[in-house]
N, C-alpha and C. Protein backbone atom coordinates (compact mmCIF):
# COMPACT_ATOMS: atom_id res chain seq x y z
N MET A 1 -8.94 37.53 189.26
CA MET A 1 -8.25 37.49 189.09
C MET A 1 -7.84 38.78 188.57
N LEU A 2 -6.29 38.89 189.19
CA LEU A 2 -5.69 40.24 188.85
C LEU A 2 -4.33 40.15 187.86
N VAL A 3 -4.66 41.31 187.01
CA VAL A 3 -3.13 41.57 186.20
C VAL A 3 -2.85 42.84 187.01
N SER A 4 -1.25 42.73 187.49
CA SER A 4 -0.74 43.99 187.92
C SER A 4 0.57 44.15 186.73
N VAL A 5 0.61 45.29 186.09
CA VAL A 5 1.67 45.31 185.11
C VAL A 5 2.36 46.76 185.71
N PRO A 6 3.85 46.47 185.91
CA PRO A 6 4.55 47.42 186.39
C PRO A 6 5.01 48.30 185.26
N SER A 7 5.27 49.38 185.76
CA SER A 7 5.46 50.71 184.61
C SER A 7 7.06 50.44 184.47
N SER A 8 7.73 49.88 185.53
CA SER A 8 9.32 49.35 184.67
C SER A 8 8.96 48.56 183.61
N ARG A 9 9.72 48.44 182.61
CA ARG A 9 9.87 47.29 181.74
C ARG A 9 10.85 45.85 182.00
N LYS A 10 11.62 46.00 183.26
CA LYS A 10 12.46 45.47 183.74
C LYS A 10 11.93 44.29 184.85
N ASP A 11 10.84 44.82 185.83
CA ASP A 11 9.54 44.08 186.25
C ASP A 11 9.05 42.79 185.49
N LEU A 12 8.83 42.27 186.40
CA LEU A 12 7.28 41.22 185.53
C LEU A 12 6.25 41.96 185.95
N VAL A 13 5.25 40.81 184.89
CA VAL A 13 3.90 41.34 184.98
C VAL A 13 3.65 40.38 185.97
N ASP A 14 2.57 40.55 186.92
CA ASP A 14 2.11 39.55 187.72
C ASP A 14 0.92 39.34 187.85
N PHE A 15 0.18 38.06 188.06
CA PHE A 15 -1.46 37.59 187.56
C PHE A 15 -1.58 36.90 189.02
N TYR A 16 -2.42 37.31 189.60
CA TYR A 16 -3.23 36.86 191.02
C TYR A 16 -4.19 36.38 190.98
N GLU A 17 -4.84 35.19 191.77
CA GLU A 17 -5.82 34.99 191.67
C GLU A 17 -6.23 35.40 193.25
N VAL A 18 -7.62 35.93 193.35
CA VAL A 18 -7.51 37.26 194.54
C VAL A 18 -9.45 36.62 195.17
N ARG A 19 -9.01 36.17 196.15
CA ARG A 19 -10.13 35.15 196.82
C ARG A 19 -10.49 36.14 198.16
N GLU A 20 -11.42 35.55 198.75
CA GLU A 20 -12.22 36.50 200.31
C GLU A 20 -12.18 35.43 200.97
N ASP A 21 -11.16 35.17 201.87
CA ASP A 21 -10.58 34.60 202.91
C ASP A 21 -11.87 34.21 204.06
N LEU A 22 -11.66 33.27 204.82
CA LEU A 22 -12.75 33.14 206.21
C LEU A 22 -12.95 34.80 207.00
N ALA A 23 -12.49 35.22 206.85
CA ALA A 23 -12.73 36.42 207.87
C ALA A 23 -12.91 37.50 207.34
N GLY A 24 -13.26 37.52 205.75
CA GLY A 24 -13.87 38.51 204.94
C GLY A 24 -13.03 39.45 204.37
N ARG A 25 -11.62 39.07 204.10
CA ARG A 25 -10.31 39.82 203.89
C ARG A 25 -10.24 38.96 202.31
N MET A 26 -10.12 40.30 201.28
CA MET A 26 -9.18 39.51 200.61
C MET A 26 -7.55 39.47 200.13
N THR A 27 -7.54 38.24 199.27
CA THR A 27 -6.24 37.65 199.73
C THR A 27 -5.83 37.57 198.29
N ARG A 28 -4.58 37.63 197.61
CA ARG A 28 -3.93 37.73 196.53
C ARG A 28 -3.17 36.60 196.60
N THR A 29 -3.40 35.20 195.64
CA THR A 29 -2.39 34.70 195.59
C THR A 29 -1.54 34.45 194.28
N LEU A 30 -0.14 34.77 193.92
CA LEU A 30 0.62 34.98 192.71
C LEU A 30 0.24 33.62 192.10
N ARG A 31 -0.19 33.28 190.55
CA ARG A 31 -0.27 32.46 189.89
C ARG A 31 0.64 32.11 188.88
N GLY A 32 1.30 33.39 188.30
CA GLY A 32 2.17 33.36 187.23
C GLY A 32 2.86 34.87 186.61
N GLN A 33 3.93 34.46 186.25
CA GLN A 33 4.65 36.00 185.54
C GLN A 33 5.17 35.79 184.29
N LEU A 34 4.70 37.02 183.75
CA LEU A 34 5.17 36.98 182.51
C LEU A 34 6.46 38.11 182.06
N THR A 35 7.16 38.20 181.38
CA THR A 35 7.53 39.79 181.09
C THR A 35 7.18 40.51 180.41
N HIS A 36 7.24 41.67 180.24
CA HIS A 36 6.43 42.82 179.34
C HIS A 36 6.34 42.48 177.81
N LYS A 37 7.33 42.33 176.98
CA LYS A 37 7.41 41.67 176.12
C LYS A 37 6.37 40.06 175.87
N GLN A 38 6.27 39.58 176.76
CA GLN A 38 5.51 37.80 176.51
C GLN A 38 4.30 38.75 176.23
N TRP A 39 3.55 39.27 177.77
CA TRP A 39 2.28 40.06 178.27
C TRP A 39 2.24 40.91 176.72
N ALA A 40 2.75 42.01 176.21
CA ALA A 40 2.25 42.16 175.55
C ALA A 40 2.15 41.91 173.66
N THR A 41 2.65 40.65 173.82
CA THR A 41 2.29 39.46 172.56
C THR A 41 0.75 38.78 173.19
N VAL A 42 0.46 38.32 174.29
CA VAL A 42 -0.74 37.92 174.39
C VAL A 42 -1.93 38.65 175.14
N ALA A 43 -1.41 39.59 175.42
CA ALA A 43 -2.57 40.39 175.74
C ALA A 43 -3.69 40.61 174.60
N ARG A 44 -3.31 41.25 173.87
CA ARG A 44 -4.15 41.70 172.42
C ARG A 44 -5.26 40.52 171.99
N THR A 45 -4.60 38.94 172.00
CA THR A 45 -5.30 37.76 171.90
C THR A 45 -6.00 37.51 173.01
N ALA A 46 -5.67 38.00 174.02
CA ALA A 46 -6.75 37.67 175.30
C ALA A 46 -7.41 39.04 175.61
N GLU A 47 -7.36 39.75 175.15
CA GLU A 47 -8.51 40.82 174.81
C GLU A 47 -9.56 40.57 173.67
N PHE A 48 -8.95 40.23 172.47
CA PHE A 48 -9.70 40.18 171.60
C PHE A 48 -10.89 39.48 171.68
N THR A 49 -10.39 38.04 172.46
CA THR A 49 -10.80 36.37 172.51
C THR A 49 -12.23 37.17 173.75
N PHE A 50 -11.69 37.96 174.75
CA PHE A 50 -12.63 37.94 175.90
C PHE A 50 -13.45 39.30 175.50
N ASN A 51 -13.62 40.03 175.07
CA ASN A 51 -14.31 40.99 174.15
C ASN A 51 -15.35 39.86 173.17
N GLU A 52 -14.91 39.28 172.11
CA GLU A 52 -15.91 38.43 171.89
C GLU A 52 -16.97 37.59 172.49
N GLN A 53 -16.35 37.05 173.81
CA GLN A 53 -17.34 36.43 174.79
C GLN A 53 -18.10 37.38 175.30
N LEU A 54 -17.92 38.35 175.69
CA LEU A 54 -18.25 39.56 176.24
C LEU A 54 -19.80 40.08 175.22
N ARG A 55 -19.46 40.16 173.88
CA ARG A 55 -20.40 41.07 173.22
C ARG A 55 -21.80 39.61 172.82
N GLU A 56 -21.43 38.23 172.96
CA GLU A 56 -22.11 37.58 172.77
C GLU A 56 -23.19 37.45 173.89
N ALA A 57 -22.49 37.55 175.39
CA ALA A 57 -22.97 38.04 176.70
C ALA A 57 -23.95 38.94 176.33
N GLY A 58 -23.96 40.33 175.79
CA GLY A 58 -24.36 41.48 175.67
C GLY A 58 -24.26 42.12 176.48
N GLU A 59 -22.82 42.10 177.03
CA GLU A 59 -21.80 42.92 177.74
C GLU A 59 -21.19 43.82 176.78
N ARG A 60 -20.65 44.97 177.30
CA ARG A 60 -19.61 45.47 177.00
C ARG A 60 -18.30 45.25 177.06
N PRO A 61 -17.26 45.89 175.91
CA PRO A 61 -16.34 45.30 175.67
C PRO A 61 -15.49 45.67 176.41
N GLY A 62 -13.72 45.94 177.01
CA GLY A 62 -13.05 45.95 177.55
C GLY A 62 -11.83 46.37 177.34
N ARG A 63 -10.82 46.64 178.08
CA ARG A 63 -9.13 46.29 177.86
C ARG A 63 -8.48 46.43 179.10
N PHE A 64 -7.26 45.87 178.67
CA PHE A 64 -6.21 45.66 179.84
C PHE A 64 -5.78 47.14 180.19
N LEU A 65 -5.26 47.61 181.20
CA LEU A 65 -4.31 49.06 181.41
C LEU A 65 -3.18 48.28 181.51
N LYS A 66 -2.61 49.34 180.39
CA LYS A 66 -0.93 49.15 180.46
C LYS A 66 0.19 49.36 181.31
N THR A 67 -0.05 50.32 182.14
CA THR A 67 0.51 50.02 183.46
C THR A 67 -0.79 49.96 184.77
N GLY A 68 -0.31 49.39 185.85
CA GLY A 68 -1.37 49.59 186.79
C GLY A 68 -1.70 47.77 186.97
N GLU A 69 -2.80 47.94 187.89
CA GLU A 69 -3.44 46.41 188.31
C GLU A 69 -5.26 46.71 187.76
N THR A 70 -5.15 45.81 186.95
CA THR A 70 -6.53 45.46 186.25
C THR A 70 -7.29 44.11 187.20
N ARG A 71 -8.54 44.10 187.20
CA ARG A 71 -8.92 43.11 188.06
C ARG A 71 -9.84 42.69 186.84
N LEU A 72 -9.78 41.32 186.59
CA LEU A 72 -11.16 41.39 185.58
C LEU A 72 -12.24 40.89 186.57
N SER A 73 -13.57 41.50 185.95
CA SER A 73 -14.90 41.62 186.65
C SER A 73 -15.54 40.05 186.55
N ILE A 74 -14.89 39.04 185.69
CA ILE A 74 -15.78 37.85 185.71
C ILE A 74 -14.30 36.55 186.05
N ASN A 75 -14.71 36.20 186.51
CA ASN A 75 -13.87 35.07 187.31
C ASN A 75 -13.34 34.13 186.08
N ASN A 76 -14.11 33.64 185.42
CA ASN A 76 -13.84 32.81 184.56
C ASN A 76 -12.63 33.08 183.65
N LEU A 77 -13.16 34.25 183.17
CA LEU A 77 -11.87 35.00 181.95
C LEU A 77 -10.53 34.80 182.82
N GLY A 78 -10.64 35.40 184.08
CA GLY A 78 -9.15 34.57 184.88
C GLY A 78 -8.64 33.60 184.43
N LYS A 79 -9.72 32.66 184.74
CA LYS A 79 -9.00 31.19 184.42
C LYS A 79 -8.93 31.00 183.08
N GLU A 80 -9.29 31.46 182.07
CA GLU A 80 -8.85 31.12 180.93
C GLU A 80 -7.54 32.48 180.10
N LEU A 81 -7.51 33.44 181.09
CA LEU A 81 -6.03 33.86 180.76
C LEU A 81 -4.54 32.96 181.49
N MET A 82 -5.53 32.34 182.66
CA MET A 82 -3.87 31.84 183.05
C MET A 82 -3.41 30.71 182.31
N VAL A 83 -4.60 29.92 181.66
CA VAL A 83 -3.87 28.83 180.70
C VAL A 83 -3.08 29.63 179.30
N LEU A 84 -3.41 30.73 178.78
CA LEU A 84 -2.84 31.50 178.20
C LEU A 84 -1.11 31.56 179.04
N VAL A 85 -1.28 32.58 180.29
CA VAL A 85 0.00 32.72 180.67
C VAL A 85 0.78 31.56 181.12
N TRP A 86 0.72 30.53 181.42
CA TRP A 86 1.52 29.45 182.24
C TRP A 86 1.95 28.75 180.56
N ALA A 87 0.92 28.49 179.48
CA ALA A 87 1.83 28.31 178.02
C ALA A 87 2.59 29.12 177.93
N THR A 88 3.06 30.27 177.88
CA THR A 88 3.94 31.06 177.71
C THR A 88 4.80 31.88 178.28
N GLU A 89 4.29 31.70 179.51
CA GLU A 89 5.82 31.75 180.78
C GLU A 89 6.97 30.90 180.12
N ASP A 90 7.14 30.05 179.84
CA ASP A 90 8.59 29.44 179.33
C ASP A 90 8.59 29.05 178.25
N ALA A 91 7.39 30.05 176.95
CA ALA A 91 8.27 29.70 175.69
C ALA A 91 8.68 30.00 175.09
N GLY A 92 9.88 29.87 174.17
CA GLY A 92 10.54 30.76 172.92
C GLY A 92 9.61 31.73 172.15
N GLU A 93 10.31 32.66 171.99
CA GLU A 93 9.26 33.58 171.20
C GLU A 93 9.04 33.03 169.47
N ASP A 94 10.08 32.35 169.26
CA ASP A 94 9.00 31.64 167.96
C ASP A 94 7.76 30.71 168.37
N GLU A 95 7.28 30.08 169.52
CA GLU A 95 6.74 29.21 170.04
C GLU A 95 5.44 30.50 170.31
N VAL A 96 5.45 31.14 170.45
CA VAL A 96 4.36 32.21 171.92
C VAL A 96 2.87 32.58 170.44
N ASP A 97 3.72 32.54 169.23
CA ASP A 97 2.49 32.93 167.83
C ASP A 97 1.40 31.74 167.83
N VAL A 98 2.11 30.65 168.01
CA VAL A 98 1.42 29.05 167.72
C VAL A 98 0.84 29.22 168.96
N ILE A 99 0.91 29.54 170.25
CA ILE A 99 0.45 29.31 171.19
C ILE A 99 -1.08 30.03 171.47
N ARG A 100 -0.98 31.09 170.68
CA ARG A 100 -1.65 32.28 171.36
C ARG A 100 -2.80 32.06 170.02
N VAL A 101 -2.35 31.14 169.40
CA VAL A 101 -3.31 30.46 167.84
C VAL A 101 -3.92 29.55 168.51
N SER A 102 -3.38 28.70 169.07
CA SER A 102 -4.00 27.18 169.47
C SER A 102 -4.56 27.69 170.84
N TRP A 103 -4.56 28.56 171.82
CA TRP A 103 -4.87 28.72 172.59
C TRP A 103 -6.47 29.33 172.01
N GLN A 104 -6.44 30.30 171.44
CA GLN A 104 -7.66 30.62 170.58
C GLN A 104 -8.90 29.96 170.37
N ARG A 105 -8.16 28.97 169.63
CA ARG A 105 -9.53 27.90 169.28
C ARG A 105 -9.78 26.93 170.01
N LEU A 106 -9.32 26.86 171.02
CA LEU A 106 -9.99 26.48 172.71
C LEU A 106 -11.13 26.74 172.80
N HIS A 107 -12.26 25.93 172.99
CA HIS A 107 -13.48 26.27 173.64
C HIS A 107 -13.07 27.12 175.15
N ARG A 108 -13.94 27.75 175.76
CA ARG A 108 -13.63 28.46 176.79
C ARG A 108 -13.90 27.23 178.08
N ILE A 109 -15.08 26.16 177.87
CA ILE A 109 -14.71 25.12 178.80
C ILE A 109 -13.56 24.45 179.22
N GLU A 110 -12.93 24.36 177.72
CA GLU A 110 -11.73 23.52 177.68
C GLU A 110 -10.35 24.10 178.61
N ARG A 111 -10.66 25.90 178.11
CA ARG A 111 -9.56 26.45 178.75
C ARG A 111 -10.14 26.32 180.53
N TRP A 112 -10.91 26.43 181.06
CA TRP A 112 -11.81 26.15 182.34
C TRP A 112 -10.90 25.39 183.09
N TRP A 113 -11.40 23.64 182.16
CA TRP A 113 -11.27 22.44 182.57
C TRP A 113 -9.06 22.24 182.62
N LEU A 114 -9.12 22.86 182.02
CA LEU A 114 -7.39 23.11 181.79
C LEU A 114 -6.86 24.09 182.95
N PHE A 115 -7.12 25.08 183.54
CA PHE A 115 -7.11 25.96 184.72
C PHE A 115 -7.38 25.61 185.42
N ASN A 116 -8.19 24.26 185.91
CA ASN A 116 -9.04 23.47 187.37
C ASN A 116 -7.67 22.00 187.23
N GLN A 117 -7.35 21.46 185.87
CA GLN A 117 -6.20 20.95 186.41
C GLN A 117 -4.63 21.13 186.87
N THR A 118 -4.81 22.25 186.24
CA THR A 118 -3.31 23.04 186.29
C THR A 118 -3.16 23.48 187.87
N VAL A 119 -4.12 24.45 188.34
CA VAL A 119 -3.63 25.05 189.56
C VAL A 119 -4.12 24.18 190.57
N ALA A 120 -4.52 22.95 190.68
CA ALA A 120 -4.59 22.10 191.44
C ALA A 120 -3.11 21.68 192.22
N LEU A 121 -2.49 21.20 190.86
CA LEU A 121 -1.33 20.93 191.06
C LEU A 121 -0.11 21.41 191.34
N ASN A 122 0.26 22.17 189.93
CA ASN A 122 0.92 23.33 189.60
C ASN A 122 0.73 25.08 189.68
N GLY A 123 -0.24 25.21 190.46
CA GLY A 123 -0.97 26.43 190.84
C GLY A 123 -0.15 27.51 191.10
N ASP A 124 0.90 27.06 191.70
CA ASP A 124 1.76 28.28 192.39
C ASP A 124 3.40 28.47 191.97
N PRO A 125 4.03 29.60 191.89
CA PRO A 125 4.72 30.07 191.42
C PRO A 125 5.89 28.48 191.38
N ARG A 126 6.11 27.86 192.40
CA ARG A 126 7.00 26.76 192.44
C ARG A 126 6.80 25.56 191.30
N GLY A 127 5.51 26.05 190.38
CA GLY A 127 5.03 25.01 189.64
C GLY A 127 5.72 25.16 188.07
N ARG A 128 6.56 26.35 188.45
CA ARG A 128 6.64 26.65 186.90
C ARG A 128 7.55 25.68 186.10
N GLY A 129 7.26 25.58 185.19
CA GLY A 129 8.09 24.10 184.11
C GLY A 129 7.77 22.80 184.28
N LYS A 130 6.80 22.76 185.07
CA LYS A 130 6.47 21.43 185.58
C LYS A 130 4.78 20.74 185.92
N GLY A 131 4.72 19.61 185.54
CA GLY A 131 3.76 19.00 185.22
C GLY A 131 2.61 19.50 184.39
N TRP A 132 1.47 19.97 184.97
CA TRP A 132 0.47 20.47 183.95
C TRP A 132 0.66 21.77 183.44
N ARG A 133 1.68 22.64 183.93
CA ARG A 133 2.10 23.73 183.25
C ARG A 133 3.14 23.94 182.33
N ALA A 134 4.30 22.40 182.13
CA ALA A 134 4.84 22.47 181.25
C ALA A 134 3.87 21.52 180.00
N ALA A 135 3.12 20.83 180.59
CA ALA A 135 2.31 20.09 179.00
C ALA A 135 1.32 21.33 178.69
N LEU A 136 1.02 22.03 179.10
CA LEU A 136 0.36 23.10 178.51
C LEU A 136 1.01 24.25 177.30
N ARG A 137 2.68 24.24 177.77
CA ARG A 137 3.48 24.97 176.62
C ARG A 137 3.43 23.95 175.85
N LEU A 138 3.68 22.44 175.80
CA LEU A 138 3.93 21.76 174.93
C LEU A 138 2.53 21.51 174.24
N MET A 139 1.54 21.68 174.53
CA MET A 139 0.19 21.17 173.86
C MET A 139 -0.17 22.17 173.35
N LEU A 140 0.56 23.44 173.61
CA LEU A 140 -0.23 24.45 172.84
C LEU A 140 0.87 24.98 171.71
N ALA A 141 1.72 24.68 172.10
CA ALA A 141 2.97 24.78 171.31
C ALA A 141 3.24 24.31 170.08
N ALA A 142 2.42 22.53 170.20
CA ALA A 142 2.51 21.96 169.06
C ALA A 142 1.68 23.08 167.42
N THR A 143 2.55 22.64 166.93
CA THR A 143 1.37 23.34 165.50
C THR A 143 -0.19 23.12 165.44
N PRO A 144 -1.02 24.44 165.36
CA PRO A 144 -2.11 24.34 165.38
C PRO A 144 -3.40 23.71 164.65
N THR A 145 -4.42 22.80 164.53
CA THR A 145 -4.90 21.68 163.84
C THR A 145 -6.48 22.76 162.90
N GLY A 146 -7.13 22.26 161.82
CA GLY A 146 -8.20 22.44 161.72
C GLY A 146 -7.77 23.83 160.27
N PRO A 147 -8.99 24.17 159.96
CA PRO A 147 -8.84 25.38 158.90
C PRO A 147 -7.39 26.25 159.12
N GLY A 148 -6.66 26.99 158.10
CA GLY A 148 -5.94 28.19 158.41
C GLY A 148 -4.97 27.72 159.17
N SER A 149 -4.55 26.22 159.60
CA SER A 149 -3.99 25.87 160.65
C SER A 149 -2.06 26.66 160.63
N ASP A 150 -1.71 27.08 159.85
CA ASP A 150 -0.72 28.04 159.79
C ASP A 150 -0.66 29.27 160.70
N ALA A 151 0.14 29.15 162.15
CA ALA A 151 0.03 30.37 162.93
C ALA A 151 0.86 31.32 162.25
N PHE A 152 1.43 31.41 161.12
CA PHE A 152 1.66 31.93 160.87
C PHE A 152 1.42 33.05 159.72
N ASP A 153 0.47 31.89 158.69
CA ASP A 153 -0.08 32.84 157.85
C ASP A 153 -0.91 34.18 158.00
N PRO A 154 -0.50 35.58 157.39
CA PRO A 154 -1.32 36.98 157.62
C PRO A 154 -2.94 36.33 157.78
N GLU A 155 -3.18 35.46 156.59
CA GLU A 155 -4.70 35.44 157.32
C GLU A 155 -5.69 34.99 157.64
N THR A 156 -5.30 34.07 157.99
CA THR A 156 -5.30 33.20 159.27
C THR A 156 -5.16 34.06 160.90
N THR A 157 -3.85 34.75 160.84
CA THR A 157 -4.08 35.43 161.86
C THR A 157 -5.04 36.65 161.76
N LEU A 158 -5.01 37.51 160.85
CA LEU A 158 -6.22 38.47 160.86
C LEU A 158 -7.61 37.93 161.00
N LYS A 159 -7.87 36.97 160.10
CA LYS A 159 -9.27 36.26 161.04
C LYS A 159 -9.30 35.95 162.54
N LEU A 160 -8.56 35.84 162.93
CA LEU A 160 -8.81 35.60 164.54
C LEU A 160 -8.11 36.64 165.29
N MET A 161 -7.27 37.23 164.95
CA MET A 161 -7.65 38.76 165.70
C MET A 161 -7.96 39.96 164.80
N ALA A 162 -9.02 39.97 164.15
CA ALA A 162 -9.98 41.20 164.13
C ALA A 162 -9.82 41.89 164.95
N THR A 163 -9.89 43.71 164.86
CA THR A 163 -10.26 44.31 165.44
C THR A 163 -11.40 45.39 165.25
N ARG A 164 -11.71 45.48 166.37
CA ARG A 164 -12.58 46.27 166.46
C ARG A 164 -12.77 47.48 167.65
N THR A 165 -13.18 48.73 166.95
CA THR A 165 -13.46 49.87 167.97
C THR A 165 -14.53 50.93 167.57
N VAL A 166 -14.73 50.96 169.14
CA VAL A 166 -16.66 51.43 169.55
C VAL A 166 -16.45 53.02 169.67
N LYS A 167 -16.60 53.56 169.10
CA LYS A 167 -16.94 55.16 168.88
C LYS A 167 -18.25 55.34 169.54
N THR A 168 -18.08 56.70 170.05
CA THR A 168 -19.38 57.38 170.18
C THR A 168 -19.58 58.32 169.37
N LYS A 169 -20.63 59.81 169.93
CA LYS A 169 -21.07 60.63 168.59
C LYS A 169 -19.73 61.71 168.53
N SER A 170 -18.86 61.64 169.74
CA SER A 170 -17.95 63.07 169.69
C SER A 170 -16.48 62.33 169.28
N GLY A 171 -16.71 61.09 169.06
CA GLY A 171 -15.36 59.96 167.65
C GLY A 171 -14.70 59.61 169.06
N LYS A 172 -14.91 59.39 169.92
CA LYS A 172 -13.86 58.49 171.39
C LYS A 172 -14.34 57.39 171.38
N ASN A 173 -12.88 56.55 171.86
CA ASN A 173 -13.45 55.55 172.05
C ASN A 173 -13.75 55.51 173.38
N ASP A 174 -15.60 54.38 173.25
CA ASP A 174 -16.42 54.40 174.35
C ASP A 174 -16.12 53.36 174.94
N MET A 175 -14.73 52.33 175.12
CA MET A 175 -15.07 51.11 175.86
C MET A 175 -14.79 51.06 177.24
N GLU A 176 -15.96 50.62 177.61
CA GLU A 176 -15.64 50.27 179.14
C GLU A 176 -15.08 49.27 179.30
N PRO A 177 -13.95 49.30 180.27
CA PRO A 177 -13.40 47.77 180.81
C PRO A 177 -14.40 46.99 181.19
N MET A 178 -13.20 45.36 181.16
CA MET A 178 -14.33 44.31 181.10
C MET A 178 -13.68 44.54 182.75
N PHE A 179 -12.85 44.87 182.77
CA PHE A 179 -11.93 44.84 184.45
C PHE A 179 -12.08 45.97 184.90
N ARG A 180 -11.75 46.21 186.54
CA ARG A 180 -11.83 47.30 187.49
C ARG A 180 -10.41 47.41 187.82
N LYS A 181 -10.84 48.99 187.67
CA LYS A 181 -9.03 49.45 188.18
C LYS A 181 -9.14 49.14 189.42
N VAL A 182 -7.74 48.38 190.32
CA VAL A 182 -7.98 48.50 191.82
C VAL A 182 -7.59 49.72 192.16
N SER A 183 -8.01 50.07 193.42
CA SER A 183 -7.81 51.38 193.97
C SER A 183 -7.00 50.47 194.79
N PRO A 184 -6.09 51.64 195.16
CA PRO A 184 -4.79 51.48 196.43
C PRO A 184 -4.86 51.49 197.93
């Protein structure tokens, strides 16, 4: 998965699935788009969740680039990210916080399953707002359930979105990206 964040805030953030074709060339398939504002809201949630998974696996945490192209080095993280992107793309501002919390509460295997169902029928740009993509928004925008189910409760949000900083002896942030910067 490739996240392309343009420097202009007027342009949309693009999400591409990157695959190798039969001839050995890398091809990009556009899977979704968000506004800069939508991306800024959900990127931190995705980054936090992915970093937790990477730490559990003994890997170093990473971060998304502010502008430019960032390639997720682990394919399943891209699948999980697309579920969040598709649920957010047509959501209102009031729904995005609930979607973030609901997405975060899903197990990664549930996110993979939702990605596979959605991409098979509505994974290209023409599928926006239809079928599984519309269902993702409706499902994740419904009030989250479970302990601390209020998405707007600051304590719930802080528990789900705790921040960690990895510092070196020099005091600088030493987070190695979980993604690779794409060379032009």
